[in-house]
Amino acid sequence: MLLKNFLWRLKTRYLVLDFHPLALFYYFGAAMAGLGILGGGWSLSVGVVGTESFLFGPH
């Protein structure tokens, strides 16, 4: 409920009634955080991070 009200206030007060560029930075930061989480999950599912060859190089 807090997130829903925050997003409503962000949209209404800072994009519709009176434009403020900080609102765009909130949305951009949320999108980039989402992409970072998806990328981290993908790298863990592929097995790139944490393998011996990734950490120490080929032997």
Protein backbone atom coordinates (compact mmCIF):
# COMPACT_ATOMS: atom_id res chain seq x y z
CA MET A 1 0.00 0.00 0.00
CA LEU A 2 2.88 2.39 0.74
CA LEU A 3 4.47 1.71 -2.65
CA LYS A 4 1.15 2.18 -4.44
CA ASN A 5 0.54 5.54 -2.72
CA PHE A 6 4.13 6.64 -3.36
CA LEU A 7 3.87 5.87 -7.08
CA TRP A 8 0.49 7.61 -7.29
CA ARG A 9 1.89 10.72 -5.57
CA LEU A 10 4.99 10.65 -7.76
CA LYS A 11 2.90 10.50 -10.91
CA THR A 12 0.24 13.01 -9.84
CA ARG A 13 2.30 15.66 -8.09
CA TYR A 14 5.58 15.50 -10.02
CA LEU A 15 4.56 14.49 -13.55
CA VAL A 16 0.95 15.61 -14.09
CA LEU A 17 0.36 18.72 -11.98
CA ASP A 18 3.87 20.14 -11.88
CA PHE A 19 6.73 18.53 -13.79
CA HIS A 20 9.89 17.79 -11.83
CA PRO A 21 12.75 15.79 -13.42
CA LEU A 22 13.49 13.96 -10.16
CA ALA A 23 10.41 11.79 -10.77
CA LEU A 24 11.97 10.52 -13.99
CA PHE A 25 15.13 9.59 -12.09
CA TYR A 26 13.03 7.52 -9.68
CA TYR A 27 11.51 5.57 -12.57
CA PHE A 28 14.84 5.22 -14.34
CA GLY A 29 16.53 3.99 -11.15
CA ALA A 30 13.78 1.45 -10.52
CA ALA A 31 14.09 0.15 -14.08
CA MET A 32 17.87 -0.15 -13.81
CA ALA A 33 17.60 -1.92 -10.44
CA GLY A 34 15.15 -4.36 -12.00
CA LEU A 35 17.51 -5.01 -14.90
CA GLY A 36 20.38 -5.53 -12.45
CA ILE A 37 18.40 -8.08 -10.47
CA LEU A 38 17.39 -9.89 -13.66
CA GLY A 39 20.99 -9.86 -14.90
CA GLY A 40 22.27 -11.22 -11.60
CA GLY A 41 19.67 -13.97 -11.64
CA TRP A 42 20.54 -14.82 -15.22
CA SER A 43 24.26 -15.04 -14.46
CA LEU A 44 23.58 -17.31 -11.50
CA SER A 45 21.29 -19.55 -13.56
CA VAL A 46 23.86 -19.84 -16.35
CA GLY A 47 26.58 -20.61 -13.83
CA VAL A 48 29.04 -17.91 -14.83
CA VAL A 49 29.46 -16.38 -11.37
CA GLY A 50 31.05 -18.64 -8.78
CA THR A 51 32.68 -21.17 -11.05
CA GLU A 52 36.33 -21.91 -10.57
CA SER A 53 37.31 -20.89 -14.09
CA PHE A 54 35.52 -17.54 -13.68
CA LEU A 55 37.17 -16.71 -10.37
CA PHE A 56 40.69 -18.00 -10.92
CA GLY A 57 41.06 -18.34 -14.67
CA PRO A 58 41.83 -21.50 -16.63
CA HIS A 59 44.36 -23.91 -15.11
